[in-house]
Amino acid sequence: MIDISIIIVNFNTLRLTKQCIESIYKYTQGLSYEIIVVDNNSEEDCGDLRSLFPDLILIKNSRNVGFGKANNIGALKAKGNNYCFINSDVILLENSILKLLNFSATINNLGMIGPKLLWKDKTLQWSCREFPNLWNNFCPSFFLTSIFKNSHIFRLEHMTYFNHNEIKKVDVLVGAFMFIPKQVFEQVNGFDERYFMYSEEIDLCKSINKLDKTIYFYPETSVIHIAGGTATSNFNEMSIVSNESRIKYWKKHHSRIEVLIFKMFCIYNLAVKLILSSLQIVKTKNSFKTTSKQLATILSK
């Protein structure tokens, strides 16, 4: 077997995918690896990836099956002892994969490792999260997080109070770059394919946590995560999908009363946005119509 199987899902991000693969070939040395690209029936022709990168394994789905399922399809073809799930909008800056592999060899009971993520201008991107709970959803819903910025007490799921400069055990890593031992991925049966997009990495981390495996944030290597991909051009639609996925997560991992209270937070938050938007007090990326759809989605689930 080889050391690492690098799995990338492509959906209308051909330019970014090429850029990502080029950075992998440029910097990844000192280990054996394969690159698997799973294309989710993109409108763009990704066939030339094979001519550009002859060793590449390209899987073409006949439809867009979602992010988690596409990664699972890639994993079925993988031959590595470890899997690296990398978003197509990630760019390596150094030999990050070898550094993660070397770190993994020093850890017992490893579940997952993720590097530091940077924006395109190389400023810090928050990538560590706590598991969603009522408190870290109550605080942002009632603006306590905005009032008490960087507070550990009035926090949200994203660990903005943590400076991201030390190796740390965390609940969740943002899913842009996830290093997972093959055995662990198989033990949790991969990504839950009921999530089309969003929340699937939180669910995966929850499953790993239930195995008593440890998830590590490893800031001694960094990658650029451009973030957004095709989602930025369909922001309103993706906002609705995101809400649907969040509710699926809460229903899977929380009690009925907790789900009800969580939905009340969401309804309150969206209602405030609707009122402020209708009064033109604030402008958000979400349109009035989209916020209304989000509200309807929560009420119907």
Protein backbone atom coordinates (compact mmCIF):
# COMPACT_ATOMS: atom_id res chain seq x y z
CA MET A 1 0.00 0.00 0.00
CA ILE A 2 1.03 3.61 -0.50
CA ASP A 3 1.29 6.23 2.25
CA ILE A 4 -1.43 8.70 1.23
CA SER A 5 -4.46 8.78 -1.03
CA ILE A 6 -5.30 12.42 -1.81
CA ILE A 7 -8.97 12.78 -2.71
CA ILE A 8 -10.35 15.94 -4.36
CA VAL A 9 -13.98 16.56 -5.32
CA ASN A 10 -14.44 18.73 -8.40
CA PHE A 11 -17.66 20.49 -9.34
CA ASN A 12 -17.26 23.30 -11.87
CA THR A 13 -13.95 24.31 -10.29
CA LEU A 14 -11.60 23.03 -12.98
CA ARG A 15 -9.17 25.96 -12.78
CA LEU A 16 -8.95 25.67 -9.00
CA THR A 17 -8.60 21.88 -9.17
CA LYS A 18 -5.65 22.19 -11.60
CA GLN A 19 -4.05 24.77 -9.34
CA CYS A 20 -4.51 22.50 -6.32
CA ILE A 21 -3.00 19.47 -8.08
CA GLU A 22 -0.06 21.50 -9.38
CA SER A 23 0.74 22.60 -5.84
CA ILE A 24 0.57 18.98 -4.62
CA TYR A 25 3.03 17.81 -7.30
CA LYS A 26 5.28 20.79 -6.64
CA TYR A 27 5.68 20.32 -2.90
CA THR A 28 4.85 16.72 -1.97
CA GLN A 29 8.02 14.65 -1.61
CA GLY A 30 9.43 11.97 0.67
CA LEU A 31 6.34 9.73 0.62
CA SER A 32 4.29 7.65 -1.78
CA TYR A 33 0.92 9.03 -2.80
CA GLU A 34 -1.85 8.95 -5.37
CA ILE A 35 -4.29 11.68 -6.39
CA ILE A 36 -7.94 10.82 -6.99
CA VAL A 37 -10.27 13.42 -8.47
CA VAL A 38 -14.00 12.76 -8.28
CA ASP A 39 -15.96 14.93 -10.69
CA ASN A 40 -19.60 15.55 -9.74
CA ASN A 41 -20.91 15.86 -13.32
CA SER A 42 -19.43 19.31 -13.90
CA GLU A 43 -20.52 21.46 -16.81
CA GLU A 44 -16.81 21.92 -17.57
CA ASP A 45 -14.94 19.14 -19.37
CA CYS A 46 -12.37 17.83 -16.92
CA GLY A 47 -11.05 15.16 -19.27
CA ASP A 48 -7.81 17.02 -19.92
CA LEU A 49 -6.80 16.51 -16.27
CA ARG A 50 -5.52 13.08 -17.28
CA SER A 51 -3.36 14.53 -20.06
CA LEU A 52 -1.99 17.20 -17.74
CA PHE A 53 -1.44 14.75 -14.89
CA PRO A 54 -0.95 11.23 -16.34
CA ASP A 55 -0.83 9.49 -12.95
CA LEU A 56 -4.12 11.01 -11.84
CA ILE A 57 -7.10 8.76 -11.12
CA LEU A 58 -10.23 10.49 -12.47
CA ILE A 59 -13.72 9.32 -11.54
CA LYS A 60 -16.67 10.90 -13.35
CA ASN A 61 -20.06 10.73 -11.69
CA SER A 62 -23.15 10.83 -13.91
CA ARG A 63 -24.78 13.35 -11.56
CA ASN A 64 -23.89 15.63 -8.69
CA VAL A 65 -24.09 13.23 -5.75
CA GLY A 66 -22.94 15.75 -3.13
CA PHE A 67 -19.66 16.35 -1.35
CA GLY A 68 -19.67 13.53 1.20
CA LYS A 69 -20.78 10.80 -1.19
CA ALA A 70 -18.25 11.90 -3.83
CA ASN A 71 -15.47 11.62 -1.23
CA ASN A 72 -16.73 8.16 -0.28
CA ILE A 73 -16.61 7.13 -3.94
CA GLY A 74 -13.01 8.33 -4.11
CA ALA A 75 -12.13 6.44 -0.92
CA LEU A 76 -13.45 3.19 -2.43
CA LYS A 77 -10.76 3.47 -5.13
CA ALA A 78 -8.03 4.56 -2.72
CA LYS A 79 -5.03 2.35 -1.92
CA GLY A 80 -3.35 4.49 0.71
CA ASN A 81 -2.84 3.77 4.40
CA ASN A 82 -4.13 7.30 5.03
CA TYR A 83 -6.60 9.57 3.28
CA CYS A 84 -6.20 13.29 2.64
CA PHE A 85 -9.51 14.92 1.71
CA ILE A 86 -8.58 18.24 0.14
CA ASN A 87 -10.95 20.86 -1.27
CA SER A 88 -10.31 21.89 -4.86
CA ASP A 89 -9.70 25.48 -3.72
CA VAL A 90 -6.70 24.59 -1.54
CA ILE A 91 -3.14 25.52 -2.50
CA LEU A 92 -0.12 23.94 -0.82
CA LEU A 93 2.72 26.25 0.19
CA GLU A 94 5.17 23.59 1.38
CA ASN A 95 5.42 19.84 1.96
CA SER A 96 2.39 19.88 4.26
CA ILE A 97 1.29 16.30 3.62
CA LEU A 98 4.65 14.86 4.70
CA LYS A 99 4.57 17.01 7.84
CA LEU A 100 1.10 15.71 8.69
CA LEU A 101 2.18 12.13 8.00
CA ASN A 102 5.23 12.50 10.26
CA PHE A 103 3.11 14.04 13.02
CA SER A 104 0.57 11.22 12.72
CA ALA A 105 3.31 8.69 13.45
CA THR A 106 3.85 10.29 16.88
CA ILE A 107 0.19 10.08 17.96
CA ASN A 108 -1.63 7.15 19.49
CA ASN A 109 -5.37 6.83 18.95
CA LEU A 110 -5.33 9.37 16.12
CA GLY A 111 -8.62 10.29 14.49
CA MET A 112 -7.86 13.27 12.23
CA ILE A 113 -5.32 16.04 11.65
CA GLY A 114 -5.74 19.38 9.90
CA PRO A 115 -3.20 22.10 9.08
CA LYS A 116 -3.55 25.84 9.61
CA LEU A 117 -5.74 27.40 6.92
CA LEU A 118 -4.94 30.80 5.43
CA TRP A 119 -6.93 33.13 3.22
CA LYS A 120 -5.52 34.03 -0.17
CA ASP A 121 -3.75 37.05 1.36
CA LYS A 122 -2.21 34.61 3.91
CA THR A 123 -4.12 35.96 6.89
CA LEU A 124 -5.52 33.46 9.37
CA GLN A 125 -8.69 31.56 8.57
CA TRP A 126 -10.51 30.17 11.63
CA SER A 127 -10.59 26.40 11.17
CA CYS A 128 -11.19 24.94 14.65
CA ARG A 129 -14.69 24.44 15.98
CA GLU A 130 -16.55 23.08 18.96
CA PHE A 131 -19.36 20.63 18.46
CA PRO A 132 -22.65 22.53 18.09
CA ASN A 133 -24.55 22.88 21.35
CA LEU A 134 -27.32 25.12 22.64
CA TRP A 135 -24.97 27.59 24.31
CA ASN A 136 -22.69 28.23 21.33
CA ASN A 137 -25.80 28.73 19.17
CA PHE A 138 -27.64 30.87 21.71
CA CYS A 139 -24.76 33.37 21.97
CA PRO A 140 -24.61 34.41 18.29
CA SER A 141 -28.40 34.26 17.89
CA PHE A 142 -28.82 36.86 20.62
CA PHE A 143 -25.77 38.91 19.55
CA LEU A 144 -23.71 38.12 22.67
CA THR A 145 -20.85 36.96 20.45
CA SER A 146 -20.87 40.30 18.60
CA ILE A 147 -20.99 42.31 21.83
CA PHE A 148 -18.29 40.29 23.62
CA LYS A 149 -15.88 39.64 20.76
CA ASN A 150 -13.19 36.97 21.29
CA SER A 151 -14.81 35.94 24.56
CA HIS A 152 -14.42 32.30 25.54
CA ILE A 153 -17.68 32.46 27.51
CA PHE A 154 -19.98 34.09 24.93
CA ARG A 155 -18.58 32.04 22.09
CA LEU A 156 -19.89 30.55 18.89
CA GLU A 157 -18.92 27.19 17.39
CA HIS A 158 -15.85 28.64 15.66
CA MET A 159 -12.99 28.96 18.13
CA THR A 160 -12.16 32.60 17.44
CA TYR A 161 -10.84 32.93 21.01
CA PHE A 162 -8.02 30.47 20.17
CA ASN A 163 -4.99 32.04 18.46
CA HIS A 164 -4.37 29.02 16.18
CA ASN A 165 -0.62 28.97 16.90
CA GLU A 166 -0.37 25.83 19.00
CA ILE A 167 -1.01 22.14 18.41
CA LYS A 168 -4.37 21.48 19.99
CA LYS A 169 -6.95 18.75 20.44
CA VAL A 170 -10.24 20.04 19.01
CA ASP A 171 -13.77 18.81 18.39
CA VAL A 172 -14.05 19.74 14.72
CA LEU A 173 -11.80 20.81 11.87
CA VAL A 174 -13.11 22.74 8.88
CA GLY A 175 -13.37 20.22 6.07
CA ALA A 176 -11.08 21.92 3.55
CA PHE A 177 -8.12 19.70 4.46
CA MET A 178 -8.57 16.53 6.52
CA PHE A 179 -5.88 13.88 7.10
CA ILE A 180 -7.54 10.65 8.32
CA PRO A 181 -6.07 7.16 8.79
CA LYS A 182 -7.81 4.71 6.47
CA GLN A 183 -8.73 2.42 9.35
CA VAL A 184 -10.52 5.24 11.19
CA PHE A 185 -12.42 6.33 8.08
CA GLU A 186 -13.60 2.78 7.52
CA GLN A 187 -14.60 2.36 11.18
CA VAL A 188 -17.01 5.31 10.94
CA ASN A 189 -18.25 4.15 7.51
CA GLY A 190 -17.01 7.31 5.82
CA PHE A 191 -19.09 10.44 5.33
CA ASP A 192 -22.81 10.25 6.07
CA GLU A 193 -24.28 10.57 2.58
CA ARG A 194 -27.53 12.06 3.87
CA TYR A 195 -25.71 15.40 3.92
CA PHE A 196 -25.56 16.71 0.37
CA MET A 197 -23.28 19.58 1.36
CA TYR A 198 -22.31 21.32 4.62
CA SER A 199 -22.14 19.87 8.16
CA GLU A 200 -20.77 16.58 6.81
CA GLU A 201 -17.33 17.26 8.34
CA ILE A 202 -18.90 18.09 11.73
CA ASP A 203 -20.82 14.82 11.57
CA LEU A 204 -17.66 12.93 10.58
CA CYS A 205 -15.73 14.45 13.49
CA LYS A 206 -18.59 13.52 15.84
CA SER A 207 -18.41 9.91 14.65
CA ILE A 208 -14.63 9.87 15.15
CA ASN A 209 -15.08 11.35 18.62
CA LYS A 210 -17.49 8.55 19.52
CA LEU A 211 -14.68 6.09 18.75
CA ASP A 212 -12.56 7.89 21.41
CA LYS A 213 -10.16 8.96 18.67
CA THR A 214 -8.43 12.34 18.91
CA ILE A 215 -8.67 15.18 16.38
CA TYR A 216 -5.66 17.49 16.17
CA PHE A 217 -5.18 20.96 14.80
CA TYR A 218 -1.56 21.12 13.56
CA PRO A 219 -0.47 24.72 12.84
CA GLU A 220 3.15 23.88 12.10
CA THR A 221 2.23 23.72 8.45
CA SER A 222 -0.17 25.99 6.52
CA VAL A 223 -2.15 25.87 3.29
CA ILE A 224 -4.17 28.49 1.45
CA HIS A 225 -7.91 27.88 1.37
CA ILE A 226 -9.51 30.26 -1.11
CA ALA A 227 -12.95 29.21 0.17
CA GLY A 228 -16.25 29.36 -1.64
CA GLY A 229 -15.67 27.56 -4.94
CA THR A 230 -18.96 27.45 -6.83
CA ALA A 231 -20.87 28.15 -3.62
CA THR A 232 -20.09 31.87 -3.76
CA SER A 233 -21.97 32.26 -7.05
CA ASN A 234 -25.01 30.49 -5.57
CA PHE A 235 -24.83 31.99 -2.09
CA ASN A 236 -28.57 32.23 -1.52
CA GLU A 237 -29.24 28.65 -2.59
CA MET A 238 -26.31 27.33 -0.55
CA SER A 239 -27.59 29.18 2.53
CA ILE A 240 -30.78 27.14 2.33
CA VAL A 241 -28.84 23.88 1.84
CA SER A 242 -26.64 24.80 4.82
CA ASN A 243 -29.67 25.25 7.08
CA GLU A 244 -31.10 21.92 5.97
CA SER A 245 -27.82 20.18 6.79
CA ARG A 246 -27.58 21.83 10.21
CA ILE A 247 -31.04 20.56 11.11
CA LYS A 248 -30.10 17.03 9.95
CA TYR A 249 -27.06 17.15 12.22
CA TRP A 250 -29.08 18.29 15.24
CA LYS A 251 -31.73 15.63 14.68
CA LYS A 252 -29.04 12.93 14.45
CA HIS A 253 -26.99 13.94 17.49
CA HIS A 254 -29.33 15.79 19.86
CA SER A 255 -32.55 15.15 21.75
CA ARG A 256 -35.94 16.30 20.47
CA ILE A 257 -36.14 19.12 23.00
CA GLU A 258 -32.65 20.33 22.03
CA VAL A 259 -33.64 20.27 18.35
CA LEU A 260 -36.77 22.28 19.14
CA ILE A 261 -34.81 24.91 21.09
CA PHE A 262 -32.18 25.08 18.33
CA LYS A 263 -34.88 25.68 15.73
CA MET A 264 -36.32 28.44 17.91
CA PHE A 265 -32.91 30.16 17.92
CA CYS A 266 -32.76 29.88 14.13
CA ILE A 267 -36.30 31.20 13.69
CA TYR A 268 -35.62 34.14 15.99
CA ASN A 269 -32.35 34.96 14.20
CA LEU A 270 -33.92 34.81 10.74
CA ALA A 271 -36.96 36.79 11.85
CA VAL A 272 -34.67 39.58 13.09
CA LYS A 273 -32.87 39.54 9.72
CA LEU A 274 -36.17 39.73 7.87
CA ILE A 275 -37.32 42.71 9.91
CA LEU A 276 -34.02 44.58 9.58
CA SER A 277 -33.81 43.77 5.88
CA SER A 278 -37.38 44.91 5.21
CA LEU A 279 -36.66 48.16 7.03
CA GLN A 280 -33.40 48.44 5.06
CA ILE A 281 -31.51 48.91 8.32
CA VAL A 282 -28.96 46.29 7.35
CA LYS A 283 -27.89 44.70 4.08
CA THR A 284 -26.82 41.07 4.04
CA LYS A 285 -25.70 38.62 1.36
CA ASN A 286 -29.00 36.82 1.83
CA SER A 287 -31.88 38.33 -0.08
CA PHE A 288 -35.25 38.88 1.59
CA LYS A 289 -36.63 36.01 -0.49
CA THR A 290 -33.82 33.65 0.56
CA THR A 291 -34.18 34.48 4.25
CA SER A 292 -37.91 33.76 3.93
CA LYS A 293 -37.11 30.38 2.32
CA GLN A 294 -34.65 29.59 5.11
CA LEU A 295 -37.34 30.35 7.65
CA ALA A 296 -39.82 28.15 5.79
CA THR A 297 -37.27 25.33 5.63
CA ILE A 298 -36.72 25.37 9.39
CA LEU A 299 -40.44 25.47 10.10
CA SER A 300 -41.09 22.51 7.78
CA LYS A 301 -38.29 20.22 9.02
